Amino acid sequence: MMIKIGLIREGKVPADKRVPATPAQAHLIQTQFPTCKVFVQSSATRCFSDQDYRDAGIEVVESVEACDILFGVKEVPITSLIGGKTYFFFSHTIKKQPYNRNLLREILNKRIRLIDYETLTDKNGQRIIAFGKWAGIVGAYNGLWLYGRKNRLFELRRAKDCLDLADLKTEFSKIKLPPIKMAITGGGRVAEGAKEVLREVGVKEVSPGELLNGIFAYPVFAQLHSSDYYHRKDGSEYSRQDFFEFPEKYGSNFMPYANKTDLLIAAAYWNPSAPVLFKREDIVTDEFQISVIADVSCDIEGSIPSTKKASTIDDPVYDYDATEDRVLPPFSGGDISVMAIDNLPCELPRDASNSFGEQLIKNVLPHLLGGDQNGVIHRAMITDEGRLTPKFGYLQAYVDGE
């Protein structure tokens, strides 16, 4: 039986230009998986045009209702959901995000089988598909752009105005930094993308200890892992596995870094049960040094108190007044300038989409279309037949509004 796969039109506002598979990759899917036919829903906003897909031999349609499996990127608008289908997209529901409660409710009402890209993992629990590296690349670049503009040091083109990564890198020579200290939190794809930018710009990497105690005549950065800034409340030894299983047993020891860091690139995954990095009251102390935060993770009211809202690609920065706990216009004298764009890879959509599509073809489709013998798809299912799957049963109270 022929399986019909649809690449859906992004409907979230502002529009996302990324795609789950490029035209060439859509063609490759049909070649590698001959039981599949790929359709693409017409869109005027994505980074590849309808004609690009037609030129690759992919049929462009106005409606994907005849398709069996639908791939998107961002949350699908509630009014666009098609009942009984299998959907893949970033639903932003697994942390019980309040703004998407009604989305998950409608998914259940329409008996949709939902697989969130964040839940697709290998047998060791490692994610097998993500845009993370590109969020890190753009996030670090934006952090440097923001620091330069805030301090009137240099002017860079925005990432969104560059054709691709190669074009973006032509801006690197304009970056002239004083001997500031930067910190990157996290150890995954996002952090690796951020490190790639800082290294190519010429910022030297130092250890966390050197960041705290060293004096340098040039800009430096340190990568901070959770073991560097979290500690067991009972005084026992830090354990990575224990921390991820029982984050509520830990406290934050981030302030020594906050007192020595000028620019923070927040790239770590944050569990809502884990402690925050620092508190609003810490920001107004004389010792607190961070003046710019590139919050790539963008957990609203999460680990970083200044992240009061997401910024956007068109309006990327706001200031934060810690004394009044309020958002101010950018560069208006707040304690911290914040960049918290929640769809950073969309600033380099062609590169990010190509990378994502490669992962989709290599790591996901063989399981989806080949019987799922290793349970990759089964483990990732959030909903099925109008119910939450057992693994995601913890979301029931969230769905119920409790």
Protein backbone atom coordinates (compact mmCIF):
# COMPACT_ATOMS: atom_id res chain seq x y z
CA MET A 1 0.00 0.00 0.00
CA MET A 2 1.32 3.44 -0.92
CA ILE A 3 1.94 5.68 2.12
CA LYS A 4 1.24 9.35 1.49
CA ILE A 5 3.50 11.79 3.34
CA GLY A 6 2.64 15.47 3.51
CA LEU A 7 4.94 18.38 4.28
CA ILE A 8 2.52 20.84 5.80
CA ARG A 9 2.40 24.61 5.47
CA GLU A 10 3.57 26.38 8.62
CA GLY A 11 0.66 28.25 10.15
CA LYS A 12 2.04 29.66 13.38
CA VAL A 13 2.45 33.44 13.49
CA PRO A 14 5.04 34.76 12.90
CA ALA A 15 5.55 32.37 10.01
CA ASP A 16 8.45 29.92 10.20
CA LYS A 17 10.45 29.52 7.01
CA ARG A 18 11.96 26.12 7.85
CA VAL A 19 10.88 22.81 6.33
CA PRO A 20 11.21 19.21 7.57
CA ALA A 21 12.75 18.20 4.22
CA THR A 22 14.22 20.20 1.36
CA PRO A 23 13.07 19.61 -2.23
CA ALA A 24 16.08 17.36 -2.91
CA GLN A 25 15.43 15.43 0.29
CA ALA A 26 11.74 15.00 -0.51
CA HIS A 27 12.79 13.46 -3.81
CA LEU A 28 15.31 11.25 -1.98
CA ILE A 29 12.59 9.99 0.39
CA GLN A 30 10.56 8.75 -2.56
CA THR A 31 13.67 7.05 -3.99
CA GLN A 32 14.83 5.40 -0.76
CA PHE A 33 11.34 4.43 0.38
CA PRO A 34 9.48 3.39 -2.78
CA THR A 35 6.26 2.67 -0.85
CA CYS A 36 5.99 6.42 -0.15
CA LYS A 37 4.80 9.37 -2.14
CA VAL A 38 5.59 12.85 -0.83
CA PHE A 39 3.29 15.85 -1.23
CA VAL A 40 4.04 19.41 -0.17
CA GLN A 41 1.35 21.86 0.86
CA SER A 42 1.58 25.13 -1.03
CA SER A 43 3.21 27.94 0.94
CA ALA A 44 4.38 31.45 0.16
CA THR A 45 6.58 31.79 3.24
CA ARG A 46 8.90 28.77 3.42
CA CYS A 47 12.56 29.11 2.44
CA PHE A 48 12.07 26.82 -0.57
CA SER A 49 9.39 27.81 -3.05
CA ASP A 50 6.58 25.65 -4.41
CA GLN A 51 8.42 25.68 -7.73
CA ASP A 52 11.58 24.34 -6.07
CA TYR A 53 9.58 21.29 -5.01
CA ARG A 54 7.95 20.91 -8.41
CA ASP A 55 11.36 21.03 -10.04
CA ALA A 56 12.41 18.15 -7.76
CA GLY A 57 9.44 16.08 -8.90
CA ILE A 58 7.27 16.65 -5.82
CA GLU A 59 3.56 17.33 -6.22
CA VAL A 60 2.41 20.60 -4.66
CA VAL A 61 -1.14 20.53 -3.25
CA GLU A 62 -3.40 22.98 -1.47
CA SER A 63 -4.77 20.39 0.97
CA VAL A 64 -2.91 17.50 2.63
CA GLU A 65 -6.09 15.84 3.88
CA ALA A 66 -5.45 12.81 1.66
CA CYS A 67 -2.05 12.20 3.30
CA ASP A 68 -1.48 9.62 6.02
CA ILE A 69 1.53 11.14 7.81
CA LEU A 70 2.08 14.87 8.17
CA PHE A 71 5.40 16.55 8.93
CA GLY A 72 5.68 20.15 10.12
CA VAL A 73 8.07 22.22 12.21
CA LYS A 74 6.28 24.48 14.72
CA GLU A 75 2.93 23.97 16.46
CA VAL A 76 0.03 23.41 14.09
CA PRO A 77 -2.80 25.94 14.58
CA ILE A 78 -5.76 24.26 16.25
CA THR A 79 -8.05 25.15 13.37
CA SER A 80 -5.70 23.45 10.89
CA LEU A 81 -5.50 20.06 12.64
CA ILE A 82 -6.88 17.17 10.59
CA GLY A 83 -8.48 14.41 12.63
CA GLY A 84 -7.17 10.85 12.59
CA LYS A 85 -3.77 11.69 11.10
CA THR A 86 -0.24 11.02 12.35
CA TYR A 87 1.57 14.31 12.97
CA PHE A 88 5.22 15.09 13.57
CA PHE A 89 6.03 18.59 14.85
CA PHE A 90 7.41 20.47 17.85
CA SER A 91 4.31 20.66 20.01
CA HIS A 92 5.86 22.38 23.06
CA THR A 93 3.54 20.49 25.41
CA ILE A 94 5.75 17.99 27.24
CA LYS A 95 6.79 20.60 29.85
CA LYS A 96 3.09 21.42 30.41
CA GLN A 97 3.42 24.75 28.63
CA PRO A 98 0.14 26.55 29.49
CA TYR A 99 -0.13 28.29 26.12
CA ASN A 100 -0.41 24.94 24.31
CA ARG A 101 -2.86 23.17 26.62
CA ASN A 102 -5.76 23.69 24.20
CA LEU A 103 -3.62 22.39 21.33
CA LEU A 104 -3.04 19.09 23.12
CA ARG A 105 -6.72 18.89 24.07
CA GLU A 106 -7.76 19.25 20.42
CA ILE A 107 -5.19 16.67 19.34
CA LEU A 108 -6.83 14.24 21.75
CA ASN A 109 -10.34 15.22 20.66
CA LYS A 110 -9.46 14.62 17.02
CA ARG A 111 -7.80 11.26 17.79
CA ILE A 112 -4.53 12.39 16.28
CA ARG A 113 -1.37 10.36 16.78
CA LEU A 114 1.22 12.92 17.84
CA ILE A 115 4.97 12.37 17.72
CA ASP A 116 7.00 15.34 18.93
CA TYR A 117 10.51 15.56 17.50
CA GLU A 118 11.79 16.21 21.03
CA THR A 119 10.57 12.77 22.13
CA LEU A 120 12.32 10.81 19.36
CA THR A 121 15.27 9.08 21.03
CA ASP A 122 17.61 6.13 20.65
CA LYS A 123 17.81 3.24 23.13
CA ASN A 124 20.04 5.34 25.38
CA GLY A 125 17.56 8.18 25.55
CA GLN A 126 19.54 10.51 23.27
CA ARG A 127 17.59 12.62 20.82
CA ILE A 128 17.97 11.56 17.20
CA ILE A 129 16.67 14.66 15.44
CA ALA A 130 16.94 18.34 16.35
CA PHE A 131 17.60 21.87 15.17
CA GLY A 132 19.76 22.45 18.26
CA LYS A 133 23.09 23.10 16.58
CA TRP A 134 21.56 25.87 14.47
CA ALA A 135 19.87 27.44 17.48
CA GLY A 136 23.30 27.56 19.10
CA ILE A 137 24.99 29.04 16.05
CA VAL A 138 22.42 31.80 15.60
CA GLY A 139 22.04 32.34 19.34
CA ALA A 140 25.76 32.91 19.88
CA TYR A 141 25.97 35.20 16.85
CA ASN A 142 22.98 37.17 18.10
CA GLY A 143 24.58 37.43 21.52
CA LEU A 144 27.70 38.96 19.97
CA TRP A 145 25.59 41.21 17.74
CA LEU A 146 23.68 42.38 20.82
CA TYR A 147 26.82 42.98 22.92
CA GLY A 148 28.43 44.96 20.12
CA ARG A 149 25.37 47.10 19.54
CA LYS A 150 24.61 47.67 23.23
CA ASN A 151 28.16 48.87 23.84
CA ARG A 152 28.53 50.63 20.47
CA LEU A 153 31.56 48.52 19.57
CA PHE A 154 30.63 47.24 16.09
CA GLU A 155 27.69 46.77 13.73
CA LEU A 156 26.83 43.41 12.18
CA ARG A 157 24.21 42.29 9.73
CA ARG A 158 21.46 40.30 11.36
CA ALA A 159 21.63 36.56 10.78
CA LYS A 160 18.21 36.71 9.14
CA ASP A 161 19.65 39.00 6.48
CA CYS A 162 22.40 36.54 5.51
CA LEU A 163 21.79 34.00 2.76
CA ASP A 164 23.31 31.09 4.64
CA LEU A 165 26.01 30.17 7.15
CA ALA A 166 28.82 30.90 4.72
CA ASP A 167 27.44 34.39 4.20
CA LEU A 168 27.05 34.85 7.97
CA LYS A 169 30.70 34.02 8.53
CA THR A 170 31.75 36.96 6.36
CA GLU A 171 30.60 39.15 9.27
CA PHE A 172 32.98 37.54 11.78
CA SER A 173 35.92 39.77 10.88
CA LYS A 174 33.95 42.83 12.06
CA ILE A 175 33.71 41.52 15.62
CA LYS A 176 36.26 43.27 17.82
CA LEU A 177 35.71 42.46 21.47
CA PRO A 178 37.36 43.85 24.60
CA PRO A 179 38.71 41.35 27.17
CA ILE A 180 35.28 40.25 28.37
CA LYS A 181 34.27 36.91 29.84
CA MET A 182 31.50 34.76 28.37
CA ALA A 183 29.79 31.63 29.65
CA ILE A 184 27.87 28.95 27.76
CA THR A 185 25.61 26.69 29.82
CA GLY A 186 24.87 23.18 28.59
CA GLY A 187 26.63 20.30 26.92
CA GLY A 188 24.44 19.33 23.98
CA ARG A 189 23.97 20.32 20.35
CA VAL A 190 22.98 23.87 21.19
CA ALA A 191 26.12 24.49 23.20
CA GLU A 192 28.29 22.94 20.48
CA GLY A 193 26.78 25.29 17.90
CA ALA A 194 27.47 28.27 20.15
CA LYS A 195 31.05 27.17 20.75
CA GLU A 196 31.60 26.81 17.01
CA VAL A 197 30.80 30.49 16.51
CA LEU A 198 32.88 31.78 19.42
CA ARG A 199 35.90 29.76 18.33
CA GLU A 200 35.68 30.97 14.74
CA VAL A 201 35.37 34.56 15.94
CA GLY A 202 38.60 34.07 17.84
CA VAL A 203 37.38 33.89 21.43
CA LYS A 204 39.62 31.61 23.48
CA GLU A 205 38.07 28.80 25.52
CA VAL A 206 39.11 28.52 29.17
CA SER A 207 38.07 26.23 32.01
CA PRO A 208 35.31 27.18 34.46
CA GLY A 209 37.96 27.72 37.12
CA GLU A 210 39.92 30.03 34.85
CA LEU A 211 36.75 31.99 34.10
CA LEU A 212 36.30 32.58 37.82
CA ASN A 213 39.88 33.32 38.76
CA GLY A 214 41.80 34.31 35.64
CA ILE A 215 42.65 37.76 34.35
CA PHE A 216 42.93 37.99 30.58
CA ALA A 217 43.94 40.59 28.02
CA TYR A 218 41.60 39.09 25.42
CA PRO A 219 37.99 37.78 25.33
CA VAL A 220 37.42 34.29 26.70
CA PHE A 221 34.55 31.87 27.21
CA ALA A 222 33.95 28.81 29.35
CA GLN A 223 31.46 26.03 28.85
CA LEU A 224 29.60 25.29 32.08
CA HIS A 225 27.98 21.91 32.65
CA SER A 226 25.31 21.27 35.26
CA SER A 227 27.96 19.86 37.61
CA ASP A 228 29.65 23.27 37.60
CA TYR A 229 26.68 25.23 38.91
CA TYR A 230 24.37 22.76 40.67
CA HIS A 231 25.04 21.01 43.98
CA ARG A 232 23.23 18.51 46.19
CA LYS A 233 21.37 20.31 48.95
CA ASP A 234 22.37 17.61 51.45
CA GLY A 235 26.05 18.10 50.69
CA SER A 236 26.59 14.71 49.05
CA GLU A 237 28.47 14.34 45.78
CA TYR A 238 26.94 15.54 42.50
CA SER A 239 25.76 12.75 40.19
CA ARG A 240 24.63 13.50 36.67
CA GLN A 241 22.14 10.63 36.60
CA ASP A 242 20.82 11.57 40.04
CA PHE A 243 20.47 15.20 38.99
CA PHE A 244 18.39 14.35 35.94
CA GLU A 245 16.21 11.94 37.93
CA PHE A 246 15.82 14.11 41.04
CA PRO A 247 16.55 17.75 40.12
CA GLU A 248 14.54 18.98 43.08
CA LYS A 249 17.30 17.68 45.40
CA TYR A 250 19.76 20.20 43.98
CA GLY A 251 20.49 23.87 44.51
CA SER A 252 22.14 26.47 42.31
CA ASN A 253 25.73 27.59 42.73
CA PHE A 254 25.74 29.85 39.66
CA MET A 255 26.32 33.20 41.33
CA PRO A 256 30.15 33.01 41.33
CA TYR A 257 29.94 32.78 37.53
CA ALA A 258 27.31 35.52 37.28
CA ASN A 259 29.67 37.80 39.19
CA LYS A 260 32.49 37.20 36.69
CA THR A 261 30.63 36.93 33.37
CA ASP A 262 29.71 39.74 30.98
CA LEU A 263 27.77 37.76 28.35
CA LEU A 264 25.77 34.63 29.11
CA ILE A 265 24.69 32.22 26.36
CA ALA A 266 22.07 29.99 27.96
CA ALA A 267 22.01 26.73 26.01
CA ALA A 268 21.13 24.15 28.66
CA TYR A 269 17.97 22.09 28.85
CA TRP A 270 16.05 23.05 31.99
CA ASN A 271 13.70 20.83 33.97
CA PRO A 272 11.02 22.90 35.74
CA SER A 273 11.74 20.85 38.89
CA ALA A 274 15.36 22.02 38.87
CA PRO A 275 16.48 25.19 40.65
CA VAL A 276 16.75 28.45 38.74
CA LEU A 277 20.25 29.67 37.87
CA PHE A 278 19.82 32.89 39.82
CA LYS A 279 17.05 35.07 41.21
CA ARG A 280 15.79 38.54 40.43
CA GLU A 281 17.21 39.81 43.70
CA ASP A 282 20.68 38.65 42.66
CA ILE A 283 20.68 40.88 39.58
CA VAL A 284 20.53 44.12 41.56
CA THR A 285 23.53 43.29 43.74
CA ASP A 286 26.76 45.18 43.12
CA GLU A 287 28.63 41.95 42.35
CA PHE A 288 26.34 40.80 39.51
CA GLN A 289 28.15 41.42 36.21
CA ILE A 290 26.08 39.91 33.39
CA SER A 291 24.79 42.67 31.12
CA VAL A 292 23.74 40.63 28.07
CA ILE A 293 21.92 37.30 27.96
CA ALA A 294 21.39 35.30 24.79
CA ASP A 295 18.78 32.88 26.12
CA VAL A 296 18.78 30.21 23.44
CA SER A 297 16.75 27.78 25.55
CA CYS A 298 14.09 30.47 26.05
CA ASP A 299 12.21 29.00 29.01
CA ILE A 300 9.72 31.74 29.87
CA GLU A 301 9.76 32.45 33.62
CA GLY A 302 12.18 29.53 33.83
CA SER A 303 15.78 29.20 34.93
CA ILE A 304 16.62 32.83 34.13
CA PRO A 305 14.38 35.49 35.75
CA SER A 306 15.01 38.10 33.06
CA THR A 307 13.40 35.90 30.39
CA LYS A 308 9.92 37.28 30.90
CA LYS A 309 8.79 36.64 27.35
CA ALA A 310 10.06 35.39 24.02
CA SER A 311 11.44 37.99 21.66
CA THR A 312 11.04 37.65 17.91
CA ILE A 313 13.25 37.71 14.85
CA ASP A 314 11.77 41.09 13.89
CA ASP A 315 11.95 42.45 17.46
CA PRO A 316 14.88 40.50 18.93
CA VAL A 317 15.84 42.40 22.10
CA TYR A 318 14.32 43.79 25.26
CA ASP A 319 15.80 45.18 28.45
CA TYR A 320 14.93 43.87 31.91
CA ASP A 321 14.54 46.00 35.01
CA ALA A 322 15.14 43.68 37.97
CA THR A 323 14.09 46.19 40.61
CA GLU A 324 10.58 46.47 39.19
CA ASP A 325 10.59 43.01 37.56
CA ARG A 326 9.50 44.46 34.24
CA VAL A 327 10.37 44.44 30.55
CA LEU A 328 11.66 47.66 29.01
CA PRO A 329 12.37 48.72 25.42
CA PRO A 330 15.81 47.65 24.16
CA PHE A 331 18.84 49.69 25.22
CA SER A 332 16.77 51.84 27.57
CA GLY A 333 18.85 51.37 30.68
CA GLY A 334 17.64 48.05 32.07
CA ASP A 335 19.88 45.85 34.19
CA ILE A 336 20.19 43.24 31.43
CA SER A 337 19.61 43.21 27.67
CA VAL A 338 17.91 39.98 26.65
CA MET A 339 17.76 38.11 23.34
CA ALA A 340 15.25 35.26 23.76
CA ILE A 341 14.07 34.33 20.27
CA ASP A 342 12.32 30.95 20.42
CA ASN A 343 12.82 30.00 16.76
CA LEU A 344 16.47 30.93 16.19
CA PRO A 345 17.18 28.35 13.44
CA CYS A 346 14.61 30.17 11.33
CA GLU A 347 17.21 32.93 10.82
CA LEU A 348 19.27 30.46 8.74
CA PRO A 349 16.36 28.38 7.44
CA ARG A 350 17.98 26.74 4.42
CA ASP A 351 20.99 25.39 6.31
CA ALA A 352 18.90 24.39 9.31
CA SER A 353 16.30 22.62 7.15
CA ASN A 354 18.92 20.71 5.21
CA SER A 355 20.54 19.47 8.42
CA PHE A 356 17.18 18.52 9.92
CA GLY A 357 16.08 16.67 6.78
CA GLU A 358 19.27 14.61 6.79
CA GLN A 359 18.50 13.48 10.34
CA LEU A 360 14.90 12.74 9.41
CA ILE A 361 15.90 10.47 6.53
CA LYS A 362 18.69 8.73 8.42
CA ASN A 363 17.32 8.43 11.94
CA VAL A 364 13.53 8.56 11.82
CA LEU A 365 12.05 7.34 8.54
CA PRO A 366 13.68 3.86 8.64
CA HIS A 367 11.81 3.24 11.93
CA LEU A 368 8.58 4.90 10.85
CA LEU A 369 8.40 3.05 7.55
CA GLY A 370 10.27 -0.11 8.46
CA GLY A 371 8.21 -1.65 11.24
CA ASP A 372 9.69 0.20 14.24
CA GLN A 373 11.41 -2.91 15.59
CA ASN A 374 13.44 -0.85 18.05
CA GLY A 375 10.40 1.02 19.35
CA VAL A 376 11.69 4.45 18.36
CA ILE A 377 8.31 5.69 17.12
CA HIS A 378 6.37 3.90 19.83
CA ARG A 379 8.44 5.52 22.59
CA ALA A 380 7.91 8.95 21.08
CA MET A 381 4.12 8.83 20.73
CA ILE A 382 2.45 11.35 23.03
CA THR A 383 -1.12 10.60 21.97
CA ASP A 384 -2.81 7.71 20.20
CA GLU A 385 -6.48 6.92 19.57
CA GLY A 386 -7.66 9.88 21.60
CA ARG A 387 -5.61 9.07 24.70
CA LEU A 388 -2.25 9.97 26.18
CA THR A 389 0.16 7.07 25.93
CA PRO A 390 1.33 5.61 29.29
CA LYS A 391 4.75 7.30 29.07
CA PHE A 392 3.07 10.70 28.80
CA GLY A 393 0.27 10.04 31.24
CA TYR A 394 1.75 12.69 33.51
CA LEU A 395 0.22 15.25 31.13
CA GLN A 396 -3.35 14.28 32.04
CA ALA A 397 -3.67 16.85 34.83
CA TYR A 398 -2.24 19.45 32.42
CA VAL A 399 -4.87 18.51 29.83
CA ASP A 400 -7.57 18.69 32.50
CA GLY A 401 -6.49 22.21 33.45
CA GLU A 402 -5.35 21.30 36.95
